[in-house]
Amino acid sequence: MSPDAPTVDHRALLEEERSDLIAKLDELGLGGAGLTYDSNFADSSQVTAERGEAEALGASLRETLEDVERALAKLSADSYGACEDCGEPIDPLRLEAKPAARYCINCAAKH
């Protein structure tokens, strides 16, 4: 990285993303107790469809949260920024755009 390149606080970006993801999971009712629906609701097919959508979105949010947690652990272990496949450094601009990136752009294209 060049000496005049802007310094990005990846930890702050990741912690902010983690907070946002947790808030979204809570908003969906997936943060703690799980989804709850009124069993007396007249249109059970609508409830089933909404539940499926919420669970699919929740799974995606949880997966992203796991990536963020993994990146935060790497920061603590001083292994952040290395591609998990080839071991080469991940481009700083990629990390700025996607702080939880696990792979360099070349290896990401293979996944």
PDB file of N, CA and C in Angstrom:
ATOM      1  N   MET A   1       0.851  -1.165   0.000  1.00  0.00           N
ATOM      2  CA  MET A   1       0.000   0.000   0.000  1.00  0.00           C
ATOM      3  C   MET A   1       0.897   1.228   0.000  1.00  0.00           C
ATOM      4  N   SER A   2       0.529   2.218  -0.805  1.00  0.00           N
ATOM      5  CA  SER A   2       1.368   3.412  -0.871  1.00  0.00           C
ATOM      6  C   SER A   2       1.218   4.232   0.396  1.00  0.00           C
ATOM      7  N   PRO A   3       2.274   4.974   0.762  1.00  0.00           N
ATOM      8  CA  PRO A   3       2.226   5.722   2.016  1.00  0.00           C
ATOM      9  C   PRO A   3       1.146   6.809   2.029  1.00  0.00           C
ATOM     10  N   ASP A   4       0.747   7.304   0.849  1.00  0.00           N
ATOM     11  CA  ASP A   4      -0.273   8.340   0.830  1.00  0.00           C
ATOM     12  C   ASP A   4      -1.684   7.785   0.614  1.00  0.00           C
ATOM     13  N   ALA A   5      -1.823   6.454   0.643  1.00  0.00           N
ATOM     14  CA  ALA A   5      -3.139   5.832   0.518  1.00  0.00           C
ATOM     15  C   ALA A   5      -3.935   6.104   1.790  1.00  0.00           C
ATOM     16  N   PRO A   6      -5.234   6.330   1.644  1.00  0.00           N
ATOM     17  CA  PRO A   6      -6.043   6.603   2.838  1.00  0.00           C
ATOM     18  C   PRO A   6      -6.086   5.385   3.761  1.00  0.00           C
ATOM     19  N   THR A   7      -6.065   5.646   5.039  1.00  0.00           N
ATOM     20  CA  THR A   7      -6.142   4.574   6.029  1.00  0.00           C
ATOM     21  C   THR A   7      -7.605   4.330   6.362  1.00  0.00           C
ATOM     22  N   VAL A   8      -7.995   3.091   6.267  1.00  0.00           N
ATOM     23  CA  VAL A   8      -9.377   2.704   6.538  1.00  0.00           C
ATOM     24  C   VAL A   8      -9.405   1.925   7.847  1.00  0.00           C
ATOM     25  N   ASP A   9     -10.340   2.280   8.723  1.00  0.00           N
ATOM     26  CA  ASP A   9     -10.496   1.555   9.979  1.00  0.00           C
ATOM     27  C   ASP A   9     -11.431   0.380   9.739  1.00  0.00           C
ATOM     28  N   HIS A  10     -10.844  -0.755   9.334  1.00  0.00           N
ATOM     29  CA  HIS A  10     -11.642  -1.934   9.009  1.00  0.00           C
ATOM     30  C   HIS A  10     -12.411  -2.450  10.217  1.00  0.00           C
ATOM     31  N   ARG A  11     -11.811  -2.363  11.390  1.00  0.00           N
ATOM     32  CA  ARG A  11     -12.508  -2.825  12.593  1.00  0.00           C
ATOM     33  C   ARG A  11     -13.796  -2.029  12.794  1.00  0.00           C
ATOM     34  N   ALA A  12     -13.724  -0.712  12.633  1.00  0.00           N
ATOM     35  CA  ALA A  12     -14.914   0.125  12.808  1.00  0.00           C
ATOM     36  C   ALA A  12     -15.975  -0.211  11.761  1.00  0.00           C
ATOM     37  N   LEU A  13     -15.547  -0.425  10.516  1.00  0.00           N
ATOM     38  CA  LEU A  13     -16.488  -0.803   9.460  1.00  0.00           C
ATOM     39  C   LEU A  13     -17.165  -2.131   9.777  1.00  0.00           C
ATOM     40  N   LEU A  14     -16.372  -3.097  10.223  1.00  0.00           N
ATOM     41  CA  LEU A  14     -16.910  -4.420  10.546  1.00  0.00           C
ATOM     42  C   LEU A  14     -17.836  -4.378  11.758  1.00  0.00           C
ATOM     43  N   GLU A  15     -17.462  -3.623  12.772  1.00  0.00           N
ATOM     44  CA  GLU A  15     -18.313  -3.530  13.965  1.00  0.00           C
ATOM     45  C   GLU A  15     -19.634  -2.837  13.642  1.00  0.00           C
ATOM     46  N   GLU A  16     -19.574  -1.833  12.768  1.00  0.00           N
ATOM     47  CA  GLU A  16     -20.805  -1.159  12.352  1.00  0.00           C
ATOM     48  C   GLU A  16     -21.691  -2.122  11.547  1.00  0.00           C
ATOM     49  N   GLU A  17     -21.071  -2.885  10.654  1.00  0.00           N
ATOM     50  CA  GLU A  17     -21.835  -3.857   9.867  1.00  0.00           C
ATOM     51  C   GLU A  17     -22.447  -4.924  10.778  1.00  0.00           C
ATOM     52  N   ARG A  18     -21.680  -5.369  11.772  1.00  0.00           N
ATOM     53  CA  ARG A  18     -22.202  -6.361  12.721  1.00  0.00           C
ATOM     54  C   ARG A  18     -23.424  -5.814  13.456  1.00  0.00           C
ATOM     55  N   SER A  19     -23.342  -4.579  13.925  1.00  0.00           N
ATOM     56  CA  SER A  19     -24.475  -3.959  14.624  1.00  0.00           C
ATOM     57  C   SER A  19     -25.698  -3.857  13.720  1.00  0.00           C
ATOM     58  N   ASP A  20     -25.476  -3.470  12.462  1.00  0.00           N
ATOM     59  CA  ASP A  20     -26.580  -3.366  11.503  1.00  0.00           C
ATOM     60  C   ASP A  20     -27.231  -4.726  11.258  1.00  0.00           C
ATOM     61  N   LEU A  21     -26.415  -5.758  11.106  1.00  0.00           N
ATOM     62  CA  LEU A  21     -26.944  -7.096  10.859  1.00  0.00           C
ATOM     63  C   LEU A  21     -27.748  -7.615  12.047  1.00  0.00           C
ATOM     64  N   ILE A  22     -27.233  -7.392  13.243  1.00  0.00           N
ATOM     65  CA  ILE A  22     -27.938  -7.818  14.452  1.00  0.00           C
ATOM     66  C   ILE A  22     -29.266  -7.087  14.569  1.00  0.00           C
ATOM     67  N   ALA A  23     -29.266  -5.784  14.253  1.00  0.00           N
ATOM     68  CA  ALA A  23     -30.502  -4.996  14.314  1.00  0.00           C
ATOM     69  C   ALA A  23     -31.522  -5.519  13.295  1.00  0.00           C
ATOM     70  N   LYS A  24     -31.058  -5.869  12.094  1.00  0.00           N
ATOM     71  CA  LYS A  24     -31.965  -6.397  11.069  1.00  0.00           C
ATOM     72  C   LYS A  24     -32.537  -7.746  11.490  1.00  0.00           C
ATOM     73  N   LEU A  25     -31.709  -8.587  12.081  1.00  0.00           N
ATOM     74  CA  LEU A  25     -32.199  -9.879  12.564  1.00  0.00           C
ATOM     75  C   LEU A  25     -33.235  -9.686  13.676  1.00  0.00           C
ATOM     76  N   ASP A  26     -32.974  -8.743  14.570  1.00  0.00           N
ATOM     77  CA  ASP A  26     -33.932  -8.445  15.639  1.00  0.00           C
ATOM     78  C   ASP A  26     -35.241  -7.920  15.057  1.00  0.00           C
ATOM     79  N   GLU A  27     -35.119  -7.047  14.049  1.00  0.00           N
ATOM     80  CA  GLU A  27     -36.294  -6.471  13.399  1.00  0.00           C
ATOM     81  C   GLU A  27     -37.174  -7.563  12.777  1.00  0.00           C
ATOM     82  N   LEU A  28     -36.536  -8.578  12.237  1.00  0.00           N
ATOM     83  CA  LEU A  28     -37.267  -9.688  11.633  1.00  0.00           C
ATOM     84  C   LEU A  28     -37.823 -10.659  12.674  1.00  0.00           C
ATOM     85  N   GLY A  29     -37.410 -10.463  13.933  1.00  0.00           N
ATOM     86  CA  GLY A  29     -37.832 -11.386  14.974  1.00  0.00           C
ATOM     87  C   GLY A  29     -36.958 -12.622  15.023  1.00  0.00           C
ATOM     88  N   LEU A  30     -35.761 -12.520  14.443  1.00  0.00           N
ATOM     89  CA  LEU A  30     -34.854 -13.663  14.382  1.00  0.00           C
ATOM     90  C   LEU A  30     -33.647 -13.500  15.290  1.00  0.00           C
ATOM     91  N   GLY A  31     -33.683 -12.500  16.140  1.00  0.00           N
ATOM     92  CA  GLY A  31     -32.528 -12.237  16.981  1.00  0.00           C
ATOM     93  C   GLY A  31     -32.437 -13.136  18.194  1.00  0.00           C
ATOM     94  N   GLY A  32     -33.540 -13.436  18.790  1.00  0.00           N
ATOM     95  CA  GLY A  32     -33.491 -14.217  20.016  1.00  0.00           C
ATOM     96  C   GLY A  32     -34.476 -15.360  20.019  1.00  0.00           C
ATOM     97  N   ALA A  33     -35.728 -15.043  20.311  1.00  0.00           N
ATOM     98  CA  ALA A  33     -36.749 -16.075  20.485  1.00  0.00           C
ATOM     99  C   ALA A  33     -37.198 -16.703  19.167  1.00  0.00           C
ATOM    100  N   GLY A  34     -36.936 -16.057  18.065  1.00  0.00           N
ATOM    101  CA  GLY A  34     -37.348 -16.597  16.779  1.00  0.00           C
ATOM    102  C   GLY A  34     -38.644 -15.974  16.302  1.00  0.00           C
ATOM    103  N   LEU A  35     -39.118 -16.472  15.191  1.00  0.00           N
ATOM    104  CA  LEU A  35     -40.323 -15.930  14.576  1.00  0.00           C
ATOM    105  C   LEU A  35     -41.562 -16.327  15.357  1.00  0.00           C
ATOM    106  N   THR A  36     -42.481 -15.383  15.495  1.00  0.00           N
ATOM    107  CA  THR A  36     -43.761 -15.690  16.107  1.00  0.00           C
ATOM    108  C   THR A  36     -44.859 -15.128  15.219  1.00  0.00           C
ATOM    109  N   TYR A  37     -45.867 -15.937  14.975  1.00  0.00           N
ATOM    110  CA  TYR A  37     -47.010 -15.539  14.171  1.00  0.00           C
ATOM    111  C   TYR A  37     -48.276 -15.919  14.910  1.00  0.00           C
ATOM    112  N   ASP A  38     -49.315 -15.167  14.660  1.00  0.00           N
ATOM    113  CA  ASP A  38     -50.620 -15.435  15.252  1.00  0.00           C
ATOM    114  C   ASP A  38     -51.204 -16.678  14.606  1.00  0.00           C
ATOM    115  N   SER A  39     -51.381 -17.733  15.363  1.00  0.00           N
ATOM    116  CA  SER A  39     -51.898 -18.987  14.819  1.00  0.00           C
ATOM    117  C   SER A  39     -53.356 -18.868  14.408  1.00  0.00           C
ATOM    118  N   ASN A  40     -54.044 -17.829  14.859  1.00  0.00           N
ATOM    119  CA  ASN A  40     -55.447 -17.623  14.501  1.00  0.00           C
ATOM    120  C   ASN A  40     -55.606 -16.731  13.278  1.00  0.00           C
ATOM    121  N   PHE A  41     -54.512 -16.353  12.671  1.00  0.00           N
ATOM    122  CA  PHE A  41     -54.566 -15.483  11.495  1.00  0.00           C
ATOM    123  C   PHE A  41     -55.341 -16.190  10.387  1.00  0.00           C
ATOM    124  N   ALA A  42     -56.243 -15.469   9.735  1.00  0.00           N
ATOM    125  CA  ALA A  42     -57.162 -16.064   8.759  1.00  0.00           C
ATOM    126  C   ALA A  42     -56.474 -16.658   7.540  1.00  0.00           C
ATOM    127  N   ASP A  43     -55.407 -16.037   7.072  1.00  0.00           N
ATOM    128  CA  ASP A  43     -54.768 -16.497   5.834  1.00  0.00           C
ATOM    129  C   ASP A  43     -53.457 -17.208   6.163  1.00  0.00           C
ATOM    130  N   SER A  44     -53.556 -18.496   6.463  1.00  0.00           N
ATOM    131  CA  SER A  44     -52.367 -19.249   6.872  1.00  0.00           C
ATOM    132  C   SER A  44     -51.360 -19.387   5.739  1.00  0.00           C
ATOM    133  N   SER A  45     -51.820 -19.368   4.485  1.00  0.00           N
ATOM    134  CA  SER A  45     -50.864 -19.459   3.369  1.00  0.00           C
ATOM    135  C   SER A  45     -50.016 -18.207   3.292  1.00  0.00           C
ATOM    136  N   GLN A  46     -50.602 -17.053   3.607  1.00  0.00           N
ATOM    137  CA  GLN A  46     -49.825 -15.816   3.619  1.00  0.00           C
ATOM    138  C   GLN A  46     -48.794 -15.849   4.745  1.00  0.00           C
ATOM    139  N   VAL A  47     -49.196 -16.348   5.892  1.00  0.00           N
ATOM    140  CA  VAL A  47     -48.267 -16.476   7.019  1.00  0.00           C
ATOM    141  C   VAL A  47     -47.127 -17.409   6.643  1.00  0.00           C
ATOM    142  N   THR A  48     -47.435 -18.509   5.994  1.00  0.00           N
ATOM    143  CA  THR A  48     -46.414 -19.471   5.578  1.00  0.00           C
ATOM    144  C   THR A  48     -45.447 -18.831   4.594  1.00  0.00           C
ATOM    145  N   ALA A  49     -45.986 -18.084   3.628  1.00  0.00           N
ATOM    146  CA  ALA A  49     -45.129 -17.410   2.645  1.00  0.00           C
ATOM    147  C   ALA A  49     -44.240 -16.369   3.315  1.00  0.00           C
ATOM    148  N   GLU A  50     -44.814 -15.566   4.197  1.00  0.00           N
ATOM    149  CA  GLU A  50     -44.038 -14.544   4.896  1.00  0.00           C
ATOM    150  C   GLU A  50     -42.976 -15.169   5.787  1.00  0.00           C
ATOM    151  N   ARG A  51     -43.320 -16.263   6.432  1.00  0.00           N
ATOM    152  CA  ARG A  51     -42.361 -16.955   7.289  1.00  0.00           C
ATOM    153  C   ARG A  51     -41.186 -17.461   6.445  1.00  0.00           C
ATOM    154  N   GLY A  52     -41.488 -18.038   5.282  1.00  0.00           N
ATOM    155  CA  GLY A  52     -40.434 -18.534   4.399  1.00  0.00           C
ATOM    156  C   GLY A  52     -39.512 -17.421   3.931  1.00  0.00           C
ATOM    157  N   GLU A  53     -40.092 -16.289   3.565  1.00  0.00           N
ATOM    158  CA  GLU A  53     -39.285 -15.145   3.137  1.00  0.00           C
ATOM    159  C   GLU A  53     -38.407 -14.632   4.274  1.00  0.00           C
ATOM    160  N   ALA A  54     -38.996 -14.510   5.456  1.00  0.00           N
ATOM    161  CA  ALA A  54     -38.246 -14.014   6.614  1.00  0.00           C
ATOM    162  C   ALA A  54     -37.109 -14.971   6.976  1.00  0.00           C
ATOM    163  N   GLU A  55     -37.382 -16.273   6.906  1.00  0.00           N
ATOM    164  CA  GLU A  55     -36.344 -17.251   7.241  1.00  0.00           C
ATOM    165  C   GLU A  55     -35.221 -17.257   6.203  1.00  0.00           C
ATOM    166  N   ALA A  56     -35.559 -17.077   4.915  1.00  0.00           N
ATOM    167  CA  ALA A  56     -34.530 -17.015   3.876  1.00  0.00           C
ATOM    168  C   ALA A  56     -33.667 -15.769   4.054  1.00  0.00           C
ATOM    169  N   LEU A  57     -34.306 -14.641   4.318  1.00  0.00           N
ATOM    170  CA  LEU A  57     -33.555 -13.409   4.553  1.00  0.00           C
ATOM    171  C   LEU A  57     -32.700 -13.556   5.803  1.00  0.00           C
ATOM    172  N   GLY A  58     -33.267 -14.157   6.848  1.00  0.00           N
ATOM    173  CA  GLY A  58     -32.523 -14.370   8.090  1.00  0.00           C
ATOM    174  C   GLY A  58     -31.300 -15.235   7.877  1.00  0.00           C
ATOM    175  N   ALA A  59     -31.424 -16.277   7.062  1.00  0.00           N
ATOM    176  CA  ALA A  59     -30.279 -17.158   6.782  1.00  0.00           C
ATOM    177  C   ALA A  59     -29.175 -16.376   6.074  1.00  0.00           C
ATOM    178  N   SER A  60     -29.556 -15.531   5.144  1.00  0.00           N
ATOM    179  CA  SER A  60     -28.571 -14.712   4.435  1.00  0.00           C
ATOM    180  C   SER A  60     -27.885 -13.725   5.389  1.00  0.00           C
ATOM    181  N   LEU A  61     -28.677 -13.099   6.253  1.00  0.00           N
ATOM    182  CA  LEU A  61     -28.121 -12.157   7.227  1.00  0.00           C
ATOM    183  C   LEU A  61     -27.185 -12.864   8.201  1.00  0.00           C
ATOM    184  N   ARG A  62     -27.564 -14.064   8.646  1.00  0.00           N
ATOM    185  CA  ARG A  62     -26.708 -14.832   9.569  1.00  0.00           C
ATOM    186  C   ARG A  62     -25.384 -15.217   8.903  1.00  0.00           C
ATOM    187  N   GLU A  63     -25.453 -15.601   7.630  1.00  0.00           N
ATOM    188  CA  GLU A  63     -24.240 -15.963   6.902  1.00  0.00           C
ATOM    189  C   GLU A  63     -23.300 -14.761   6.789  1.00  0.00           C
ATOM    190  N   THR A  64     -23.867 -13.612   6.480  1.00  0.00           N
ATOM    191  CA  THR A  64     -23.067 -12.391   6.400  1.00  0.00           C
ATOM    192  C   THR A  64     -22.492 -12.047   7.771  1.00  0.00           C
ATOM    193  N   LEU A  65     -23.291 -12.220   8.817  1.00  0.00           N
ATOM    194  CA  LEU A  65     -22.822 -11.955  10.181  1.00  0.00           C
ATOM    195  C   LEU A  65     -21.658 -12.881  10.536  1.00  0.00           C
ATOM    196  N   GLU A  66     -21.734 -14.141  10.125  1.00  0.00           N
ATOM    197  CA  GLU A  66     -20.623 -15.074  10.373  1.00  0.00           C
ATOM    198  C   GLU A  66     -19.350 -14.609   9.661  1.00  0.00           C
ATOM    199  N   ASP A  67     -19.483 -14.097   8.436  1.00  0.00           N
ATOM    200  CA  ASP A  67     -18.324 -13.574   7.710  1.00  0.00           C
ATOM    201  C   ASP A  67     -17.722 -12.375   8.433  1.00  0.00           C
ATOM    202  N   VAL A  68     -18.585 -11.507   8.943  1.00  0.00           N
ATOM    203  CA  VAL A  68     -18.115 -10.327   9.682  1.00  0.00           C
ATOM    204  C   VAL A  68     -17.401 -10.761  10.961  1.00  0.00           C
ATOM    205  N   GLU A  69     -17.984 -11.707  11.684  1.00  0.00           N
ATOM    206  CA  GLU A  69     -17.351 -12.207  12.916  1.00  0.00           C
ATOM    207  C   GLU A  69     -15.999 -12.848  12.606  1.00  0.00           C
ATOM    208  N   ARG A  70     -15.929 -13.593  11.513  1.00  0.00           N
ATOM    209  CA  ARG A  70     -14.670 -14.227  11.096  1.00  0.00           C
ATOM    210  C   ARG A  70     -13.613 -13.151  10.801  1.00  0.00           C
ATOM    211  N   ALA A  71     -14.020 -12.091  10.105  1.00  0.00           N
ATOM    212  CA  ALA A  71     -13.090 -11.011   9.775  1.00  0.00           C
ATOM    213  C   ALA A  71     -12.609 -10.300  11.041  1.00  0.00           C
ATOM    214  N   LEU A  72     -13.508 -10.085  11.996  1.00  0.00           N
ATOM    215  CA  LEU A  72     -13.103  -9.454  13.259  1.00  0.00           C
ATOM    216  C   LEU A  72     -12.110 -10.339  14.013  1.00  0.00           C
ATOM    217  N   ALA A  73     -12.331 -11.649  13.980  1.00  0.00           N
ATOM    218  CA  ALA A  73     -11.392 -12.576  14.629  1.00  0.00           C
ATOM    219  C   ALA A  73     -10.024 -12.516  13.934  1.00  0.00           C
ATOM    220  N   LYS A  74     -10.030 -12.403  12.616  1.00  0.00           N
ATOM    221  CA  LYS A  74      -8.763 -12.305  11.876  1.00  0.00           C
ATOM    222  C   LYS A  74      -8.031 -11.018  12.236  1.00  0.00           C
ATOM    223  N   LEU A  75      -8.776  -9.930  12.421  1.00  0.00           N
ATOM    224  CA  LEU A  75      -8.144  -8.679  12.832  1.00  0.00           C
ATOM    225  C   LEU A  75      -7.437  -8.862  14.167  1.00  0.00           C
ATOM    226  N   SER A  76      -8.098  -9.536  15.089  1.00  0.00           N
ATOM    227  CA  SER A  76      -7.513  -9.774  16.413  1.00  0.00           C
ATOM    228  C   SER A  76      -6.299 -10.686  16.336  1.00  0.00           C
ATOM    229  N   ALA A  77      -6.292 -11.599  15.357  1.00  0.00           N
ATOM    230  CA  ALA A  77      -5.185 -12.550  15.211  1.00  0.00           C
ATOM    231  C   ALA A  77      -4.111 -12.058  14.239  1.00  0.00           C
ATOM    232  N   ASP A  78      -4.239 -10.819  13.783  1.00  0.00           N
ATOM    233  CA  ASP A  78      -3.287 -10.230  12.819  1.00  0.00           C
ATOM    234  C   ASP A  78      -3.179 -11.031  11.524  1.00  0.00           C
ATOM    235  N   SER A  79      -4.279 -11.658  11.103  1.00  0.00           N
ATOM    236  CA  SER A  79      -4.265 -12.382   9.835  1.00  0.00           C
ATOM    237  C   SER A  79      -5.285 -11.803   8.854  1.00  0.00           C
ATOM    238  N   TYR A  80      -5.808 -10.634   9.181  1.00  0.00           N
ATOM    239  CA  TYR A  80      -6.804  -9.977   8.341  1.00  0.00           C
ATOM    240  C   TYR A  80      -6.172  -9.503   7.040  1.00  0.00           C
ATOM    241  N   GLY A  81      -6.934  -9.652   5.956  1.00  0.00           N
ATOM    242  CA  GLY A  81      -6.494  -9.115   4.673  1.00  0.00           C
ATOM    243  C   GLY A  81      -5.780 -10.103   3.779  1.00  0.00           C
ATOM    244  N   ALA A  82      -5.605 -11.336   4.244  1.00  0.00           N
ATOM    245  CA  ALA A  82      -4.975 -12.370   3.419  1.00  0.00           C
ATOM    246  C   ALA A  82      -6.068 -13.262   2.839  1.00  0.00           C
ATOM    247  N   CYS A  83      -5.931 -13.598   1.563  1.00  0.00           N
ATOM    248  CA  CYS A  83      -6.888 -14.471   0.892  1.00  0.00           C
ATOM    249  C   CYS A  83      -6.856 -15.856   1.536  1.00  0.00           C
ATOM    250  N   GLU A  84      -8.030 -16.412   1.799  1.00  0.00           N
ATOM    251  CA  GLU A  84      -8.114 -17.731   2.420  1.00  0.00           C
ATOM    252  C   GLU A  84      -7.742 -18.853   1.466  1.00  0.00           C
ATOM    253  N   ASP A  85      -7.698 -18.589   0.172  1.00  0.00           N
ATOM    254  CA  ASP A  85      -7.310 -19.617  -0.793  1.00  0.00           C
ATOM    255  C   ASP A  85      -5.818 -19.567  -1.112  1.00  0.00           C
ATOM    256  N   CYS A  86      -5.376 -18.432  -1.640  1.00  0.00           N
ATOM    257  CA  CYS A  86      -3.993 -18.354  -2.133  1.00  0.00           C
ATOM    258  C   CYS A  86      -3.025 -17.736  -1.134  1.00  0.00           C
ATOM    259  N   GLY A  87      -3.543 -17.073  -0.100  1.00  0.00           N
ATOM    260  CA  GLY A  87      -2.693 -16.470   0.916  1.00  0.00           C
ATOM    261  C   GLY A  87      -2.148 -15.102   0.544  1.00  0.00           C
ATOM    262  N   GLU A  88      -2.418 -14.662  -0.671  1.00  0.00           N
ATOM    263  CA  GLU A  88      -1.952 -13.339  -1.105  1.00  0.00           C
ATOM    264  C   GLU A  88      -2.799 -12.248  -0.442  1.00  0.00           C
ATOM    265  N   PRO A  89      -2.238 -11.040  -0.335  1.00  0.00           N
ATOM    266  CA  PRO A  89      -3.020  -9.946   0.252  1.00  0.00           C
ATOM    267  C   PRO A  89      -4.234  -9.606  -0.618  1.00  0.00           C
ATOM    268  N   ILE A  90      -5.343  -9.331   0.030  1.00  0.00           N
ATOM    269  CA  ILE A  90      -6.540  -8.881  -0.664  1.00  0.00           C
ATOM    270  C   ILE A  90      -6.376  -7.394  -0.931  1.00  0.00           C
ATOM    271  N   ASP A  91      -6.723  -6.963  -2.131  1.00  0.00           N
ATOM    272  CA  ASP A  91      -6.590  -5.556  -2.520  1.00  0.00           C
ATOM    273  C   ASP A  91      -7.275  -4.657  -1.483  1.00  0.00           C
ATOM    274  N   PRO A  92      -6.587  -3.630  -0.999  1.00  0.00           N
ATOM    275  CA  PRO A  92      -7.171  -2.734   0.006  1.00  0.00           C
ATOM    276  C   PRO A  92      -8.493  -2.094  -0.441  1.00  0.00           C
ATOM    277  N   LEU A  93      -8.628  -1.826  -1.736  1.00  0.00           N
ATOM    278  CA  LEU A  93      -9.883  -1.252  -2.218  1.00  0.00           C
ATOM    279  C   LEU A  93     -11.028  -2.266  -2.102  1.00  0.00           C
ATOM    280  N   ARG A  94     -10.722  -3.536  -2.299  1.00  0.00           N
ATOM    281  CA  ARG A  94     -11.737  -4.592  -2.123  1.00  0.00           C
ATOM    282  C   ARG A  94     -12.141  -4.670  -0.654  1.00  0.00           C
ATOM    283  N   LEU A  95     -11.163  -4.598   0.234  1.00  0.00           N
ATOM    284  CA  LEU A  95     -11.462  -4.654   1.668  1.00  0.00           C
ATOM    285  C   LEU A  95     -12.238  -3.422   2.126  1.00  0.00           C
ATOM    286  N   GLU A  96     -11.979  -2.296   1.496  1.00  0.00           N
ATOM    287  CA  GLU A  96     -12.725  -1.089   1.852  1.00  0.00           C
ATOM    288  C   GLU A  96     -14.186  -1.241   1.427  1.00  0.00           C
ATOM    289  N   ALA A  97     -14.405  -1.812   0.240  1.00  0.00           N
ATOM    290  CA  ALA A  97     -15.761  -2.006  -0.265  1.00  0.00           C
ATOM    291  C   ALA A  97     -16.480  -3.145   0.450  1.00  0.00           C
ATOM    292  N   LYS A  98     -15.733  -4.190   0.776  1.00  0.00           N
ATOM    293  CA  LYS A  98     -16.318  -5.376   1.426  1.00  0.00           C
ATOM    294  C   LYS A  98     -15.356  -5.832   2.524  1.00  0.00           C
ATOM    295  N   PRO A  99     -15.438  -5.198   3.698  1.00  0.00           N
ATOM    296  CA  PRO A  99     -14.472  -5.481   4.767  1.00  0.00           C
ATOM    297  C   PRO A  99     -14.408  -6.939   5.215  1.00  0.00           C
ATOM    298  N   ALA A 100     -15.478  -7.699   4.997  1.00  0.00           N
ATOM    299  CA  ALA A 100     -15.484  -9.098   5.421  1.00  0.00           C
ATOM    300  C   ALA A 100     -15.037 -10.041   4.305  1.00  0.00           C
ATOM    301  N   ALA A 101     -14.461  -9.491   3.236  1.00  0.00           N
ATOM    302  CA  ALA A 101     -14.028 -10.328   2.108  1.00  0.00           C
ATOM    303  C   ALA A 101     -13.046 -11.393   2.587  1.00  0.00           C
ATOM    304  N   ARG A 102     -13.283 -12.621   2.114  1.00  0.00           N
ATOM    305  CA  ARG A 102     -12.431 -13.741   2.516  1.00  0.00           C
ATOM    306  C   ARG A 102     -11.406 -14.082   1.445  1.00  0.00           C
ATOM    307  N   TYR A 103     -11.662 -13.644   0.217  1.00  0.00           N
ATOM    308  CA  TYR A 103     -10.828 -14.043  -0.908  1.00  0.00           C
ATOM    309  C   TYR A 103     -10.405 -12.825  -1.733  1.00  0.00           C
ATOM    310  N   CYS A 104      -9.258 -12.938  -2.367  1.00  0.00           N
ATOM    311  CA  CYS A 104      -8.850 -11.919  -3.329  1.00  0.00           C
ATOM    312  C   CYS A 104      -9.808 -12.015  -4.511  1.00  0.00           C
ATOM    313  N   ILE A 105      -9.779 -11.030  -5.392  1.00  0.00           N
ATOM    314  CA  ILE A 105     -10.749 -11.001  -6.483  1.00  0.00           C
ATOM    315  C   ILE A 105     -10.599 -12.207  -7.413  1.00  0.00           C
ATOM    316  N   ASN A 106      -9.366 -12.671  -7.633  1.00  0.00           N
ATOM    317  CA  ASN A 106      -9.152 -13.825  -8.500  1.00  0.00           C
ATOM    318  C   ASN A 106      -9.741 -15.095  -7.910  1.00  0.00           C
ATOM    319  N   CYS A 107      -9.501 -15.319  -6.631  1.00  0.00           N
ATOM    320  CA  CYS A 107     -10.032 -16.521  -5.980  1.00  0.00           C
ATOM    321  C   CYS A 107     -11.546 -16.419  -5.776  1.00  0.00           C
ATOM    322  N   ALA A 108     -12.051 -15.218  -5.546  1.00  0.00           N
ATOM    323  CA  ALA A 108     -13.494 -15.034  -5.373  1.00  0.00           C
ATOM    324  C   ALA A 108     -14.231 -15.412  -6.649  1.00  0.00           C
ATOM    325  N   ALA A 109     -13.617 -15.168  -7.795  1.00  0.00           N
ATOM    326  CA  ALA A 109     -14.245 -15.516  -9.078  1.00  0.00           C
ATOM    327  C   ALA A 109     -14.377 -17.025  -9.237  1.00  0.00           C
ATOM    328  N   LYS A 110     -13.546 -17.787  -8.537  1.00  0.00           N
ATOM    329  CA  LYS A 110     -13.587 -19.258  -8.624  1.00  0.00           C
ATOM    330  C   LYS A 110     -14.671 -19.854  -7.727  1.00  0.00           C
ATOM    331  N   HIS A 111     -15.115 -19.093  -6.715  1.00  0.00           N
ATOM    332  CA  HIS A 111     -16.096 -19.606  -5.731  1.00  0.00           C
ATOM    333  C   HIS A 111     -17.493 -19.407  -6.175  1.00  0.00           C
TER     334      HIS A 111
END
